[in-house]
Amino acid sequence: MTTNWGTLLGTKKSVNYVKQFSAGKMSGRSLYSKYSNTENGGVVRGLLRTHGVETSRKLAKKALFRRGLV
């Protein structure tokens, strides 16, 4: 399963959450709770379940860097 970073980083609020998560200021459980009951909840849940927290942080940093959001 691939992560759809375009939808996950679609709003400023979402970008802020992902930035905090990638910097280690937010736990995986906190990120999951921020997206629960939203249309992107499944994307976050799949990311964390498939890759785990540490690898998900690395992937989030990579996605933010590639989009020039860091």
PDB file of N, CA and C in Angstrom:
ATOM      1  N   MET A   1       0.840  -1.181   0.000  1.00  0.00           N
ATOM      2  CA  MET A   1       0.000   0.000   0.000  1.00  0.00           C
ATOM      3  C   MET A   1       0.881   1.239   0.000  1.00  0.00           C
ATOM      4  N   THR A   2       0.564   2.161  -0.865  1.00  0.00           N
ATOM      5  CA  THR A   2       1.313   3.405  -0.895  1.00  0.00           C
ATOM      6  C   THR A   2       0.515   4.495  -0.185  1.00  0.00           C
ATOM      7  N   THR A   3       1.228   5.437   0.354  1.00  0.00           N
ATOM      8  CA  THR A   3       0.597   6.538   1.078  1.00  0.00           C
ATOM      9  C   THR A   3       0.325   7.677   0.119  1.00  0.00           C
ATOM     10  N   ASN A   4      -0.880   8.184   0.118  1.00  0.00           N
ATOM     11  CA  ASN A   4      -1.248   9.309  -0.728  1.00  0.00           C
ATOM     12  C   ASN A   4      -0.912  10.596   0.024  1.00  0.00           C
ATOM     13  N   TRP A   5       0.307  11.067  -0.142  1.00  0.00           N
ATOM     14  CA  TRP A   5       0.765  12.252   0.578  1.00  0.00           C
ATOM     15  C   TRP A   5       0.081  13.514   0.081  1.00  0.00           C
ATOM     16  N   GLY A   6      -0.394  13.521  -1.152  1.00  0.00           N
ATOM     17  CA  GLY A   6      -1.099  14.685  -1.680  1.00  0.00           C
ATOM     18  C   GLY A   6      -2.346  15.013  -0.881  1.00  0.00           C
ATOM     19  N   THR A   7      -3.113  13.988  -0.550  1.00  0.00           N
ATOM     20  CA  THR A   7      -4.322  14.229   0.245  1.00  0.00           C
ATOM     21  C   THR A   7      -3.968  14.464   1.710  1.00  0.00           C
ATOM     22  N   LEU A   8      -2.920  13.800   2.168  1.00  0.00           N
ATOM     23  CA  LEU A   8      -2.533  13.934   3.568  1.00  0.00           C
ATOM     24  C   LEU A   8      -1.962  15.316   3.874  1.00  0.00           C
ATOM     25  N   LEU A   9      -1.332  15.933   2.890  1.00  0.00           N
ATOM     26  CA  LEU A   9      -0.730  17.260   3.072  1.00  0.00           C
ATOM     27  C   LEU A   9      -1.528  18.333   2.334  1.00  0.00           C
ATOM     28  N   GLY A  10      -2.831  18.140   2.263  1.00  0.00           N
ATOM     29  CA  GLY A  10      -3.685  19.037   1.491  1.00  0.00           C
ATOM     30  C   GLY A  10      -4.004  20.368   2.144  1.00  0.00           C
ATOM     31  N   THR A  11      -3.946  20.457   3.469  1.00  0.00           N
ATOM     32  CA  THR A  11      -4.280  21.709   4.151  1.00  0.00           C
ATOM     33  C   THR A  11      -3.114  22.143   5.044  1.00  0.00           C
ATOM     34  N   LYS A  12      -3.129  23.408   5.432  1.00  0.00           N
ATOM     35  CA  LYS A  12      -2.071  23.924   6.304  1.00  0.00           C
ATOM     36  C   LYS A  12      -2.083  23.228   7.665  1.00  0.00           C
ATOM     37  N   LYS A  13      -3.269  22.938   8.151  1.00  0.00           N
ATOM     38  CA  LYS A  13      -3.390  22.260   9.442  1.00  0.00           C
ATOM     39  C   LYS A  13      -2.770  20.859   9.362  1.00  0.00           C
ATOM     40  N   SER A  14      -3.044  20.165   8.277  1.00  0.00           N
ATOM     41  CA  SER A  14      -2.488  18.827   8.083  1.00  0.00           C
ATOM     42  C   SER A  14      -0.969  18.879   7.961  1.00  0.00           C
ATOM     43  N   VAL A  15      -0.465  19.853   7.231  1.00  0.00           N
ATOM     44  CA  VAL A  15       0.988  20.001   7.080  1.00  0.00           C
ATOM     45  C   VAL A  15       1.618  20.245   8.442  1.00  0.00           C
ATOM     46  N   ASN A  16       0.970  21.048   9.272  1.00  0.00           N
ATOM     47  CA  ASN A  16       1.484  21.328  10.612  1.00  0.00           C
ATOM     48  C   ASN A  16       1.545  20.059  11.456  1.00  0.00           C
ATOM     49  N   TYR A  17       0.504  19.233  11.385  1.00  0.00           N
ATOM     50  CA  TYR A  17       0.495  17.971  12.129  1.00  0.00           C
ATOM     51  C   TYR A  17       1.619  17.055  11.672  1.00  0.00           C
ATOM     52  N   VAL A  18       1.799  16.947  10.364  1.00  0.00           N
ATOM     53  CA  VAL A  18       2.834  16.060   9.829  1.00  0.00           C
ATOM     54  C   VAL A  18       4.222  16.597  10.171  1.00  0.00           C
ATOM     55  N   LYS A  19       4.389  17.915  10.146  1.00  0.00           N
ATOM     56  CA  LYS A  19       5.674  18.499  10.549  1.00  0.00           C
ATOM     57  C   LYS A  19       5.996  18.177  12.003  1.00  0.00           C
ATOM     58  N   GLN A  20       5.006  18.326  12.882  1.00  0.00           N
ATOM     59  CA  GLN A  20       5.220  18.011  14.295  1.00  0.00           C
ATOM     60  C   GLN A  20       5.553  16.538  14.481  1.00  0.00           C
ATOM     61  N   PHE A  21       4.868  15.672  13.761  1.00  0.00           N
ATOM     62  CA  PHE A  21       5.123  14.242  13.854  1.00  0.00           C
ATOM     63  C   PHE A  21       6.522  13.904  13.355  1.00  0.00           C
ATOM     64  N   SER A  22       6.919  14.474  12.221  1.00  0.00           N
ATOM     65  CA  SER A  22       8.227  14.146  11.657  1.00  0.00           C
ATOM     66  C   SER A  22       9.369  14.681  12.520  1.00  0.00           C
ATOM     67  N   ALA A  23       9.116  15.753  13.266  1.00  0.00           N
ATOM     68  CA  ALA A  23      10.141  16.320  14.143  1.00  0.00           C
ATOM     69  C   ALA A  23      10.202  15.610  15.491  1.00  0.00           C
ATOM     70  N   GLY A  24       9.286  14.696  15.742  1.00  0.00           N
ATOM     71  CA  GLY A  24       9.271  13.962  16.999  1.00  0.00           C
ATOM     72  C   GLY A  24       8.529  14.667  18.114  1.00  0.00           C
ATOM     73  N   LYS A  25       7.813  15.729  17.779  1.00  0.00           N
ATOM     74  CA  LYS A  25       7.050  16.472  18.789  1.00  0.00           C
ATOM     75  C   LYS A  25       5.655  15.898  18.996  1.00  0.00           C
ATOM     76  N   MET A  26       5.284  14.933  18.158  1.00  0.00           N
ATOM     77  CA  MET A  26       3.965  14.307  18.253  1.00  0.00           C
ATOM     78  C   MET A  26       4.147  12.801  18.094  1.00  0.00           C
ATOM     79  N   SER A  27       3.485  12.044  18.926  1.00  0.00           N
ATOM     80  CA  SER A  27       3.592  10.588  18.847  1.00  0.00           C
ATOM     81  C   SER A  27       2.713  10.060  17.709  1.00  0.00           C
ATOM     82  N   GLY A  28       2.928   8.807  17.374  1.00  0.00           N
ATOM     83  CA  GLY A  28       2.100   8.170  16.357  1.00  0.00           C
ATOM     84  C   GLY A  28       0.653   8.105  16.778  1.00  0.00           C
ATOM     85  N   ARG A  29       0.419   7.843  18.049  1.00  0.00           N
ATOM     86  CA  ARG A  29      -0.949   7.786  18.575  1.00  0.00           C
ATOM     87  C   ARG A  29      -1.615   9.160  18.480  1.00  0.00           C
ATOM     88  N   SER A  30      -0.861  10.224  18.754  1.00  0.00           N
ATOM     89  CA  SER A  30      -1.419  11.581  18.651  1.00  0.00           C
ATOM     90  C   SER A  30      -1.759  11.930  17.205  1.00  0.00           C
ATOM     91  N   LEU A  31      -0.875  11.567  16.287  1.00  0.00           N
ATOM     92  CA  LEU A  31      -1.146  11.818  14.869  1.00  0.00           C
ATOM     93  C   LEU A  31      -2.384  11.041  14.435  1.00  0.00           C
ATOM     94  N   TYR A  32      -2.468   9.804  14.850  1.00  0.00           N
ATOM     95  CA  TYR A  32      -3.624   8.977  14.521  1.00  0.00           C
ATOM     96  C   TYR A  32      -4.910   9.603  15.061  1.00  0.00           C
ATOM     97  N   SER A  33      -4.864  10.113  16.288  1.00  0.00           N
ATOM     98  CA  SER A  33      -6.066  10.711  16.878  1.00  0.00           C
ATOM     99  C   SER A  33      -6.455  12.021  16.189  1.00  0.00           C
ATOM    100  N   LYS A  34      -5.487  12.765  15.676  1.00  0.00           N
ATOM    101  CA  LYS A  34      -5.799  14.005  14.951  1.00  0.00           C
ATOM    102  C   LYS A  34      -6.578  13.720  13.673  1.00  0.00           C
ATOM    103  N   TYR A  35      -6.300  12.568  13.050  1.00  0.00           N
ATOM    104  CA  TYR A  35      -6.943  12.226  11.789  1.00  0.00           C
ATOM    105  C   TYR A  35      -8.100  11.252  11.942  1.00  0.00           C
ATOM    106  N   SER A  36      -8.403  10.809  13.161  1.00  0.00           N
ATOM    107  CA  SER A  36      -9.506   9.863  13.319  1.00  0.00           C
ATOM    108  C   SER A  36     -10.825  10.538  12.945  1.00  0.00           C
ATOM    109  N   ASN A  37     -11.699   9.764  12.348  1.00  0.00           N
ATOM    110  CA  ASN A  37     -13.007  10.232  11.869  1.00  0.00           C
ATOM    111  C   ASN A  37     -12.902  11.310  10.798  1.00  0.00           C
ATOM    112  N   THR A  38     -11.827  11.274  10.021  1.00  0.00           N
ATOM    113  CA  THR A  38     -11.696  12.144   8.856  1.00  0.00           C
ATOM    114  C   THR A  38     -11.498  11.267   7.635  1.00  0.00           C
ATOM    115  N   GLU A  39     -11.560  11.866   6.469  1.00  0.00           N
ATOM    116  CA  GLU A  39     -11.380  11.077   5.247  1.00  0.00           C
ATOM    117  C   GLU A  39      -9.928  10.612   5.077  1.00  0.00           C
ATOM    118  N   ASN A  40      -8.980  11.252   5.764  1.00  0.00           N
ATOM    119  CA  ASN A  40      -7.578  10.841   5.696  1.00  0.00           C
ATOM    120  C   ASN A  40      -7.181   9.911   6.833  1.00  0.00           C
ATOM    121  N   GLY A  41      -8.114   9.543   7.669  1.00  0.00           N
ATOM    122  CA  GLY A  41      -7.816   8.664   8.791  1.00  0.00           C
ATOM    123  C   GLY A  41      -7.268   7.319   8.352  1.00  0.00           C
ATOM    124  N   GLY A  42      -7.810   6.778   7.284  1.00  0.00           N
ATOM    125  CA  GLY A  42      -7.341   5.495   6.774  1.00  0.00           C
ATOM    126  C   GLY A  42      -5.935   5.562   6.237  1.00  0.00           C
ATOM    127  N   VAL A  43      -5.577   6.701   5.645  1.00  0.00           N
ATOM    128  CA  VAL A  43      -4.224   6.878   5.110  1.00  0.00           C
ATOM    129  C   VAL A  43      -3.211   6.866   6.246  1.00  0.00           C
ATOM    130  N   VAL A  44      -3.497   7.600   7.309  1.00  0.00           N
ATOM    131  CA  VAL A  44      -2.597   7.662   8.464  1.00  0.00           C
ATOM    132  C   VAL A  44      -2.523   6.312   9.159  1.00  0.00           C
ATOM    133  N   ARG A  45      -3.656   5.690   9.345  1.00  0.00           N
ATOM    134  CA  ARG A  45      -3.694   4.382   9.997  1.00  0.00           C
ATOM    135  C   ARG A  45      -2.887   3.355   9.201  1.00  0.00           C
ATOM    136  N   GLY A  46      -3.047   3.357   7.886  1.00  0.00           N
ATOM    137  CA  GLY A  46      -2.304   2.438   7.031  1.00  0.00           C
ATOM    138  C   GLY A  46      -0.812   2.703   7.072  1.00  0.00           C
ATOM    139  N   LEU A  47      -0.443   3.975   7.074  1.00  0.00           N
ATOM    140  CA  LEU A  47       0.972   4.344   7.147  1.00  0.00           C
ATOM    141  C   LEU A  47       1.606   3.828   8.431  1.00  0.00           C
ATOM    142  N   LEU A  48       0.954   4.072   9.549  1.00  0.00           N
ATOM    143  CA  LEU A  48       1.509   3.655  10.834  1.00  0.00           C
ATOM    144  C   LEU A  48       1.515   2.137  10.994  1.00  0.00           C
ATOM    145  N   ARG A  49       0.491   1.476  10.524  1.00  0.00           N
ATOM    146  CA  ARG A  49       0.433   0.014  10.655  1.00  0.00           C
ATOM    147  C   ARG A  49       1.432  -0.673   9.740  1.00  0.00           C
ATOM    148  N   THR A  50       1.595  -0.163   8.540  1.00  0.00           N
ATOM    149  CA  THR A  50       2.483  -0.795   7.572  1.00  0.00           C
ATOM    150  C   THR A  50       3.951  -0.574   7.914  1.00  0.00           C
ATOM    151  N   HIS A  51       4.306   0.648   8.274  1.00  0.00           N
ATOM    152  CA  HIS A  51       5.715   1.004   8.427  1.00  0.00           C
ATOM    153  C   HIS A  51       6.171   1.176   9.862  1.00  0.00           C
ATOM    154  N   GLY A  52       5.270   1.340  10.795  1.00  0.00           N
ATOM    155  CA  GLY A  52       5.672   1.630  12.161  1.00  0.00           C
ATOM    156  C   GLY A  52       5.956   3.109  12.325  1.00  0.00           C
ATOM    157  N   VAL A  53       6.173   3.522  13.556  1.00  0.00           N
ATOM    158  CA  VAL A  53       6.303   4.955  13.851  1.00  0.00           C
ATOM    159  C   VAL A  53       7.617   5.529  13.325  1.00  0.00           C
ATOM    160  N   GLU A  54       8.734   4.867  13.593  1.00  0.00           N
ATOM    161  CA  GLU A  54      10.038   5.433  13.209  1.00  0.00           C
ATOM    162  C   GLU A  54      10.174   5.580  11.699  1.00  0.00           C
ATOM    163  N   THR A  55       9.803   4.546  10.957  1.00  0.00           N
ATOM    164  CA  THR A  55       9.895   4.633   9.496  1.00  0.00           C
ATOM    165  C   THR A  55       8.883   5.633   8.953  1.00  0.00           C
ATOM    166  N   SER A  56       7.722   5.728   9.583  1.00  0.00           N
ATOM    167  CA  SER A  56       6.724   6.712   9.159  1.00  0.00           C
ATOM    168  C   SER A  56       7.245   8.128   9.341  1.00  0.00           C
ATOM    169  N   ARG A  57       8.001   8.353  10.412  1.00  0.00           N
ATOM    170  CA  ARG A  57       8.620   9.678  10.613  1.00  0.00           C
ATOM    171  C   ARG A  57       9.577  10.006   9.474  1.00  0.00           C
ATOM    172  N   LYS A  58      10.396   9.036   9.101  1.00  0.00           N
ATOM    173  CA  LYS A  58      11.352   9.235   7.999  1.00  0.00           C
ATOM    174  C   LYS A  58      10.624   9.524   6.695  1.00  0.00           C
ATOM    175  N   LEU A  59       9.561   8.768   6.435  1.00  0.00           N
ATOM    176  CA  LEU A  59       8.789   8.984   5.214  1.00  0.00           C
ATOM    177  C   LEU A  59       8.099  10.345   5.213  1.00  0.00           C
ATOM    178  N   ALA A  60       7.629  10.777   6.372  1.00  0.00           N
ATOM    179  CA  ALA A  60       6.990  12.095   6.478  1.00  0.00           C
ATOM    180  C   ALA A  60       7.999  13.202   6.207  1.00  0.00           C
ATOM    181  N   LYS A  61       9.197  13.074   6.778  1.00  0.00           N
ATOM    182  CA  LYS A  61      10.254  14.064   6.512  1.00  0.00           C
ATOM    183  C   LYS A  61      10.575  14.121   5.030  1.00  0.00           C
ATOM    184  N   LYS A  62      10.677  12.953   4.417  1.00  0.00           N
ATOM    185  CA  LYS A  62      10.986  12.870   2.990  1.00  0.00           C
ATOM    186  C   LYS A  62       9.892  13.529   2.151  1.00  0.00           C
ATOM    187  N   ALA A  63       8.628  13.263   2.485  1.00  0.00           N
ATOM    188  CA  ALA A  63       7.503  13.845   1.744  1.00  0.00           C
ATOM    189  C   ALA A  63       7.473  15.368   1.899  1.00  0.00           C
ATOM    190  N   LEU A  64       7.712  15.853   3.109  1.00  0.00           N
ATOM    191  CA  LEU A  64       7.721  17.306   3.333  1.00  0.00           C
ATOM    192  C   LEU A  64       8.871  17.964   2.583  1.00  0.00           C
ATOM    193  N   PHE A  65      10.035  17.331   2.597  1.00  0.00           N
ATOM    194  CA  PHE A  65      11.201  17.891   1.911  1.00  0.00           C
ATOM    195  C   PHE A  65      10.972  17.933   0.396  1.00  0.00           C
ATOM    196  N   ARG A  66      10.438  16.861  -0.149  1.00  0.00           N
ATOM    197  CA  ARG A  66      10.218  16.809  -1.597  1.00  0.00           C
ATOM    198  C   ARG A  66       9.190  17.821  -2.085  1.00  0.00           C
ATOM    199  N   ARG A  67       8.300  18.224  -1.208  1.00  0.00           N
ATOM    200  CA  ARG A  67       7.291  19.208  -1.563  1.00  0.00           C
ATOM    201  C   ARG A  67       7.688  20.626  -1.175  1.00  0.00           C
ATOM    202  N   GLY A  68       8.872  20.775  -0.595  1.00  0.00           N
ATOM    203  CA  GLY A  68       9.365  22.098  -0.229  1.00  0.00           C
ATOM    204  C   GLY A  68       8.622  22.698   0.947  1.00  0.00           C
ATOM    205  N   LEU A  69       8.118  21.852   1.845  1.00  0.00           N
ATOM    206  CA  LEU A  69       7.325  22.341   2.978  1.00  0.00           C
ATOM    207  C   LEU A  69       8.126  22.392   4.271  1.00  0.00           C
ATOM    208  N   VAL A  70       9.377  22.029   4.225  1.00  0.00           N
ATOM    209  CA  VAL A  70      10.223  22.043   5.425  1.00  0.00           C
ATOM    210  C   VAL A  70      10.931  23.363   5.521  1.00  0.00           C
TER     211      VAL A  70
END
